[in-house]
Amino acid sequence: MAAGLALNLTPGPDMLYVIARSTAEGRRAGVVSALGIATGTLVHITLVAVGLAGVLRTIPLAFTVVKYTGAAYLIYLGVRALMSGHEVSRATSLPPARLAVLYRQGIVTNVLNPKVALFFLALLPQFVDPARGPVVYQIVLLGMLFNTSGTIVNCAVAAGAGALSGWARERSRGVTALRRATGVLFIGIGARLAFAKAS
């Protein structure tokens, strides 16, 4: 748990994504995005538990395809944020469909980040002891502990960044600046992912 919490507190693509969503659209958007990321993490835990994530390590083309697909998706989100209109909705709540979209984007952002799968593949087996029971169950348990602490951290980050969003929304220039910052941040995350190495 100590190792997992330390890693969860280190800013990475998931945390930057939550910050971007929270500052652009408020705390609820950030929390929903964090829950989407948590759901995406379940996919990686499952893959590692059944051994499929090893494909990303042994087949360079698989890593490359997933990496560039994820990077392109993030850059697309960033460009879309930069090109969006300047009208700002002052509604106090977001429509359910919008939150559903943010949730799905959180899942896709996490699932298309091959570094997450490789991270779990590298970290979790170090804490597995075959003498203590089935390895698959141990990996799932360790992955869920990591995912739980990561979700708590991301939700706390969403609350903090959402407070900044509320302050800025009262100033029209602040909203425009947040939207542009969000777009730049997404493009930066995508570029970072595109240049990530498999190891």
C-alpha atoms as a PDB file:
ATOM      1  CA  MET A   1       0.000   0.000   0.000  1.00  0.00           C
ATOM      2  CA  ALA A   2       2.885   2.363   0.758  1.00  0.00           C
ATOM      3  CA  ALA A   3       4.420   1.744  -2.660  1.00  0.00           C
ATOM      4  CA  GLY A   4       1.045   2.097  -4.360  1.00  0.00           C
ATOM      5  CA  LEU A   5       0.162   5.319  -2.545  1.00  0.00           C
ATOM      6  CA  ALA A   6       3.546   6.851  -3.343  1.00  0.00           C
ATOM      7  CA  LEU A   7       3.041   6.053  -7.015  1.00  0.00           C
ATOM      8  CA  ASN A   8      -0.557   7.327  -6.960  1.00  0.00           C
ATOM      9  CA  LEU A   9       0.613  10.656  -5.570  1.00  0.00           C
ATOM     10  CA  THR A  10       3.113  11.058  -8.407  1.00  0.00           C
ATOM     11  CA  PRO A  11       1.509  13.125 -11.193  1.00  0.00           C
ATOM     12  CA  GLY A  12       1.012  11.093 -14.363  1.00  0.00           C
ATOM     13  CA  PRO A  13      -1.329  11.064 -17.356  1.00  0.00           C
ATOM     14  CA  ASP A  14      -4.345   9.959 -15.295  1.00  0.00           C
ATOM     15  CA  MET A  15      -3.927  12.657 -12.659  1.00  0.00           C
ATOM     16  CA  LEU A  16      -3.266  15.307 -15.318  1.00  0.00           C
ATOM     17  CA  TYR A  17      -6.430  14.207 -17.106  1.00  0.00           C
ATOM     18  CA  VAL A  18      -8.469  14.607 -13.900  1.00  0.00           C
ATOM     19  CA  ILE A  19      -6.948  18.037 -13.268  1.00  0.00           C
ATOM     20  CA  ALA A  20      -7.740  19.125 -16.812  1.00  0.00           C
ATOM     21  CA  ARG A  21     -11.362  17.974 -16.600  1.00  0.00           C
ATOM     22  CA  SER A  22     -11.870  19.465 -13.129  1.00  0.00           C
ATOM     23  CA  THR A  23     -10.478  22.876 -13.957  1.00  0.00           C
ATOM     24  CA  ALA A  24     -12.370  23.031 -17.246  1.00  0.00           C
ATOM     25  CA  GLU A  25     -15.761  21.676 -16.148  1.00  0.00           C
ATOM     26  CA  GLY A  26     -15.860  21.524 -12.358  1.00  0.00           C
ATOM     27  CA  ARG A  27     -15.460  19.066  -9.525  1.00  0.00           C
ATOM     28  CA  ARG A  28     -18.211  16.664 -10.659  1.00  0.00           C
ATOM     29  CA  ALA A  29     -16.595  16.322 -14.073  1.00  0.00           C
ATOM     30  CA  GLY A  30     -13.257  15.556 -12.418  1.00  0.00           C
ATOM     31  CA  VAL A  31     -14.730  12.963 -10.059  1.00  0.00           C
ATOM     32  CA  VAL A  32     -16.620  11.258 -12.906  1.00  0.00           C
ATOM     33  CA  SER A  33     -13.404  11.239 -14.959  1.00  0.00           C
ATOM     34  CA  ALA A  34     -11.571   9.703 -11.979  1.00  0.00           C
ATOM     35  CA  LEU A  35     -14.220   6.973 -11.771  1.00  0.00           C
ATOM     36  CA  GLY A  36     -13.787   6.329 -15.495  1.00  0.00           C
ATOM     37  CA  ILE A  37     -10.046   5.975 -14.963  1.00  0.00           C
ATOM     38  CA  ALA A  38     -10.719   3.561 -12.095  1.00  0.00           C
ATOM     39  CA  THR A  39     -12.908   1.479 -14.414  1.00  0.00           C
ATOM     40  CA  GLY A  40     -10.200   1.486 -17.073  1.00  0.00           C
ATOM     41  CA  THR A  41      -7.712   0.316 -14.466  1.00  0.00           C
ATOM     42  CA  LEU A  42      -9.923  -2.733 -13.846  1.00  0.00           C
ATOM     43  CA  VAL A  43      -9.278  -3.719 -17.472  1.00  0.00           C
ATOM     44  CA  HIS A  44      -5.524  -3.576 -16.905  1.00  0.00           C
ATOM     45  CA  ILE A  45      -5.775  -5.546 -13.665  1.00  0.00           C
ATOM     46  CA  THR A  46      -7.765  -8.226 -15.466  1.00  0.00           C
ATOM     47  CA  LEU A  47      -5.272  -8.388 -18.329  1.00  0.00           C
ATOM     48  CA  VAL A  48      -2.332  -8.733 -15.974  1.00  0.00           C
ATOM     49  CA  ALA A  49      -4.150 -11.336 -13.887  1.00  0.00           C
ATOM     50  CA  VAL A  50      -4.745 -13.555 -16.923  1.00  0.00           C
ATOM     51  CA  GLY A  51      -1.325 -12.851 -18.392  1.00  0.00           C
ATOM     52  CA  LEU A  52      -2.392 -11.014 -21.561  1.00  0.00           C
ATOM     53  CA  ALA A  53      -0.578  -7.805 -20.711  1.00  0.00           C
ATOM     54  CA  GLY A  54       2.668  -9.651 -21.421  1.00  0.00           C
ATOM     55  CA  VAL A  55       1.821  -9.264 -25.098  1.00  0.00           C
ATOM     56  CA  LEU A  56       2.609  -5.555 -24.820  1.00  0.00           C
ATOM     57  CA  ARG A  57       6.065  -6.415 -23.570  1.00  0.00           C
ATOM     58  CA  THR A  58       6.870  -9.247 -26.000  1.00  0.00           C
ATOM     59  CA  ILE A  59       5.312  -7.834 -29.179  1.00  0.00           C
ATOM     60  CA  PRO A  60       6.640  -4.318 -29.870  1.00  0.00           C
ATOM     61  CA  LEU A  61       3.988  -3.691 -32.529  1.00  0.00           C
ATOM     62  CA  ALA A  62       1.184  -4.218 -29.991  1.00  0.00           C
ATOM     63  CA  PHE A  63       2.707  -1.662 -27.637  1.00  0.00           C
ATOM     64  CA  THR A  64       3.193   0.790 -30.504  1.00  0.00           C
ATOM     65  CA  VAL A  65      -0.381   0.463 -31.772  1.00  0.00           C
ATOM     66  CA  VAL A  66      -1.933   0.955 -28.318  1.00  0.00           C
ATOM     67  CA  LYS A  67       0.463   3.797 -27.502  1.00  0.00           C
ATOM     68  CA  TYR A  68      -0.233   5.808 -30.644  1.00  0.00           C
ATOM     69  CA  THR A  69      -3.982   5.169 -30.487  1.00  0.00           C
ATOM     70  CA  GLY A  70      -4.072   6.499 -26.929  1.00  0.00           C
ATOM     71  CA  ALA A  71      -1.866   9.475 -27.805  1.00  0.00           C
ATOM     72  CA  ALA A  72      -4.034  10.351 -30.807  1.00  0.00           C
ATOM     73  CA  TYR A  73      -7.177  10.207 -28.674  1.00  0.00           C
ATOM     74  CA  LEU A  74      -5.750  12.597 -26.078  1.00  0.00           C
ATOM     75  CA  ILE A  75      -4.485  14.999 -28.724  1.00  0.00           C
ATOM     76  CA  TYR A  76      -7.930  14.912 -30.358  1.00  0.00           C
ATOM     77  CA  LEU A  77      -9.525  15.890 -27.032  1.00  0.00           C
ATOM     78  CA  GLY A  78      -6.992  18.704 -26.650  1.00  0.00           C
ATOM     79  CA  VAL A  79      -7.542  20.112 -30.134  1.00  0.00           C
ATOM     80  CA  ARG A  80     -11.304  19.944 -29.632  1.00  0.00           C
ATOM     81  CA  ALA A  81     -10.988  21.893 -26.367  1.00  0.00           C
ATOM     82  CA  LEU A  82      -8.851  24.551 -28.052  1.00  0.00           C
ATOM     83  CA  MET A  83     -11.287  24.941 -30.941  1.00  0.00           C
ATOM     84  CA  SER A  84     -14.480  25.021 -28.865  1.00  0.00           C
ATOM     85  CA  GLY A  85     -16.612  28.169 -28.826  1.00  0.00           C
ATOM     86  CA  HIS A  86     -16.250  30.936 -26.300  1.00  0.00           C
ATOM     87  CA  GLU A  87     -19.798  30.739 -24.915  1.00  0.00           C
ATOM     88  CA  VAL A  88     -19.787  29.494 -21.377  1.00  0.00           C
ATOM     89  CA  SER A  89     -22.668  27.649 -19.788  1.00  0.00           C
ATOM     90  CA  ARG A  90     -23.280  28.938 -16.289  1.00  0.00           C
ATOM     91  CA  ALA A  91     -25.491  26.013 -15.378  1.00  0.00           C
ATOM     92  CA  THR A  92     -24.815  24.660 -11.934  1.00  0.00           C
ATOM     93  CA  SER A  93     -25.106  21.045 -13.061  1.00  0.00           C
ATOM     94  CA  LEU A  94     -24.099  19.088 -16.091  1.00  0.00           C
ATOM     95  CA  PRO A  95     -26.599  16.971 -18.011  1.00  0.00           C
ATOM     96  CA  PRO A  96     -26.325  13.221 -17.268  1.00  0.00           C
ATOM     97  CA  ALA A  97     -25.297  12.465 -20.841  1.00  0.00           C
ATOM     98  CA  ARG A  98     -22.367  14.824 -20.520  1.00  0.00           C
ATOM     99  CA  LEU A  99     -21.187  13.081 -17.371  1.00  0.00           C
ATOM    100  CA  ALA A 100     -21.575   9.735 -19.148  1.00  0.00           C
ATOM    101  CA  VAL A 101     -19.331  11.002 -21.936  1.00  0.00           C
ATOM    102  CA  LEU A 102     -16.710  12.122 -19.414  1.00  0.00           C
ATOM    103  CA  TYR A 103     -16.875   8.721 -17.736  1.00  0.00           C
ATOM    104  CA  ARG A 104     -16.326   6.928 -21.051  1.00  0.00           C
ATOM    105  CA  GLN A 105     -13.457   9.250 -21.933  1.00  0.00           C
ATOM    106  CA  GLY A 106     -11.818   8.452 -18.594  1.00  0.00           C
ATOM    107  CA  ILE A 107     -12.061   4.736 -19.356  1.00  0.00           C
ATOM    108  CA  VAL A 108     -10.671   5.130 -22.879  1.00  0.00           C
ATOM    109  CA  THR A 109      -7.855   7.411 -21.717  1.00  0.00           C
ATOM    110  CA  ASN A 110      -6.729   4.838 -19.165  1.00  0.00           C
ATOM    111  CA  VAL A 111      -7.239   1.700 -21.260  1.00  0.00           C
ATOM    112  CA  LEU A 112      -5.293   3.167 -24.209  1.00  0.00           C
ATOM    113  CA  ASN A 113      -2.292   3.969 -22.006  1.00  0.00           C
ATOM    114  CA  PRO A 114       0.005   0.931 -22.380  1.00  0.00           C
ATOM    115  CA  LYS A 115       2.224   2.219 -19.587  1.00  0.00           C
ATOM    116  CA  VAL A 116      -0.522   1.336 -17.102  1.00  0.00           C
ATOM    117  CA  ALA A 117      -0.550  -2.302 -18.209  1.00  0.00           C
ATOM    118  CA  LEU A 118       3.241  -2.471 -18.170  1.00  0.00           C
ATOM    119  CA  PHE A 119       3.298  -0.810 -14.750  1.00  0.00           C
ATOM    120  CA  PHE A 120       0.974  -3.436 -13.301  1.00  0.00           C
ATOM    121  CA  LEU A 121       2.917  -6.183 -15.057  1.00  0.00           C
ATOM    122  CA  ALA A 122       6.149  -4.943 -13.482  1.00  0.00           C
ATOM    123  CA  LEU A 123       4.881  -4.021 -10.006  1.00  0.00           C
ATOM    124  CA  LEU A 124       2.217  -6.474  -8.882  1.00  0.00           C
ATOM    125  CA  PRO A 125       4.162  -9.735  -9.320  1.00  0.00           C
ATOM    126  CA  GLN A 126       6.822  -8.406  -6.934  1.00  0.00           C
ATOM    127  CA  PHE A 127       4.295  -8.645  -4.091  1.00  0.00           C
ATOM    128  CA  VAL A 128       2.862 -12.042  -5.053  1.00  0.00           C
ATOM    129  CA  ASP A 129       3.735 -15.149  -3.030  1.00  0.00           C
ATOM    130  CA  PRO A 130       2.612 -18.382  -4.756  1.00  0.00           C
ATOM    131  CA  ALA A 131       2.820 -20.175  -1.393  1.00  0.00           C
ATOM    132  CA  ARG A 132      -0.042 -18.014  -0.098  1.00  0.00           C
ATOM    133  CA  GLY A 133      -2.624 -19.062  -2.684  1.00  0.00           C
ATOM    134  CA  PRO A 134      -3.618 -18.631  -6.328  1.00  0.00           C
ATOM    135  CA  VAL A 135      -1.507 -15.974  -8.042  1.00  0.00           C
ATOM    136  CA  VAL A 136      -4.464 -14.634 -10.049  1.00  0.00           C
ATOM    137  CA  TYR A 137      -6.412 -13.814  -6.871  1.00  0.00           C
ATOM    138  CA  GLN A 138      -3.395 -12.137  -5.308  1.00  0.00           C
ATOM    139  CA  ILE A 139      -2.834  -9.966  -8.381  1.00  0.00           C
ATOM    140  CA  VAL A 140      -6.502  -8.952  -8.456  1.00  0.00           C
ATOM    141  CA  LEU A 141      -6.416  -8.087  -4.742  1.00  0.00           C
ATOM    142  CA  LEU A 142      -3.209  -6.053  -5.057  1.00  0.00           C
ATOM    143  CA  GLY A 143      -4.510  -4.330  -8.173  1.00  0.00           C
ATOM    144  CA  MET A 144      -7.771  -3.420  -6.426  1.00  0.00           C
ATOM    145  CA  LEU A 145      -5.887  -1.982  -3.447  1.00  0.00           C
ATOM    146  CA  PHE A 146      -3.815   0.146  -5.813  1.00  0.00           C
ATOM    147  CA  ASN A 147      -6.896   1.163  -7.795  1.00  0.00           C
ATOM    148  CA  THR A 148      -8.793   2.131  -4.637  1.00  0.00           C
ATOM    149  CA  SER A 149      -6.011   4.349  -3.313  1.00  0.00           C
ATOM    150  CA  GLY A 150      -5.528   5.849  -6.779  1.00  0.00           C
ATOM    151  CA  THR A 151      -9.224   6.657  -7.075  1.00  0.00           C
ATOM    152  CA  ILE A 152      -9.225   8.343  -3.668  1.00  0.00           C
ATOM    153  CA  VAL A 153      -6.211  10.447  -4.686  1.00  0.00           C
ATOM    154  CA  ASN A 154      -7.745  11.364  -8.045  1.00  0.00           C
ATOM    155  CA  CYS A 155     -11.072  12.327  -6.435  1.00  0.00           C
ATOM    156  CA  ALA A 156      -9.219  14.545  -3.949  1.00  0.00           C
ATOM    157  CA  VAL A 157      -7.332  16.137  -6.847  1.00  0.00           C
ATOM    158  CA  ALA A 158     -10.655  16.658  -8.660  1.00  0.00           C
ATOM    159  CA  ALA A 159     -12.103  18.423  -5.595  1.00  0.00           C
ATOM    160  CA  GLY A 160      -9.108  20.748  -5.346  1.00  0.00           C
ATOM    161  CA  ALA A 161      -8.951  21.524  -9.045  1.00  0.00           C
ATOM    162  CA  GLY A 162     -12.742  21.897  -9.152  1.00  0.00           C
ATOM    163  CA  ALA A 163     -12.517  24.639  -6.534  1.00  0.00           C
ATOM    164  CA  LEU A 164     -10.198  26.534  -8.874  1.00  0.00           C
ATOM    165  CA  SER A 165     -12.718  26.027 -11.656  1.00  0.00           C
ATOM    166  CA  GLY A 166     -15.522  27.560  -9.574  1.00  0.00           C
ATOM    167  CA  TRP A 167     -13.388  30.616  -8.879  1.00  0.00           C
ATOM    168  CA  ALA A 168     -12.436  31.074 -12.514  1.00  0.00           C
ATOM    169  CA  ARG A 169     -15.951  30.594 -13.874  1.00  0.00           C
ATOM    170  CA  GLU A 170     -16.997  33.816 -12.203  1.00  0.00           C
ATOM    171  CA  ARG A 171     -14.568  35.605 -14.484  1.00  0.00           C
ATOM    172  CA  SER A 172     -15.111  35.244 -18.230  1.00  0.00           C
ATOM    173  CA  ARG A 173     -11.423  35.482 -19.011  1.00  0.00           C
ATOM    174  CA  GLY A 174     -10.728  32.743 -16.486  1.00  0.00           C
ATOM    175  CA  VAL A 175     -13.031  30.320 -18.296  1.00  0.00           C
ATOM    176  CA  THR A 176     -11.380  30.968 -21.644  1.00  0.00           C
ATOM    177  CA  ALA A 177      -7.958  30.530 -20.070  1.00  0.00           C
ATOM    178  CA  LEU A 178      -9.026  27.259 -18.418  1.00  0.00           C
ATOM    179  CA  ARG A 179     -10.400  25.915 -21.692  1.00  0.00           C
ATOM    180  CA  ARG A 180      -7.165  26.733 -23.496  1.00  0.00           C
ATOM    181  CA  ALA A 181      -5.078  25.307 -20.663  1.00  0.00           C
ATOM    182  CA  THR A 182      -7.152  22.126 -20.810  1.00  0.00           C
ATOM    183  CA  GLY A 183      -6.551  21.774 -24.543  1.00  0.00           C
ATOM    184  CA  VAL A 184      -2.820  22.340 -24.179  1.00  0.00           C
ATOM    185  CA  LEU A 185      -2.650  19.893 -21.268  1.00  0.00           C
ATOM    186  CA  PHE A 186      -4.435  17.149 -23.227  1.00  0.00           C
ATOM    187  CA  ILE A 187      -2.128  17.657 -26.200  1.00  0.00           C
ATOM    188  CA  GLY A 188       0.862  17.551 -23.855  1.00  0.00           C
ATOM    189  CA  ILE A 189      -0.310  14.305 -22.233  1.00  0.00           C
ATOM    190  CA  GLY A 190      -0.855  12.785 -25.674  1.00  0.00           C
ATOM    191  CA  ALA A 191       2.604  13.845 -26.822  1.00  0.00           C
ATOM    192  CA  ARG A 192       4.143  12.441 -23.663  1.00  0.00           C
ATOM    193  CA  LEU A 193       2.399   9.121 -24.241  1.00  0.00           C
ATOM    194  CA  ALA A 194       3.428   9.067 -27.910  1.00  0.00           C
ATOM    195  CA  PHE A 195       7.104   9.324 -26.953  1.00  0.00           C
ATOM    196  CA  ALA A 196       6.880   6.808 -24.094  1.00  0.00           C
ATOM    197  CA  LYS A 197       9.104   3.778 -24.387  1.00  0.00           C
ATOM    198  CA  ALA A 198       7.968   0.258 -23.678  1.00  0.00           C
ATOM    199  CA  SER A 199      10.421  -0.223 -20.824  1.00  0.00           C
END
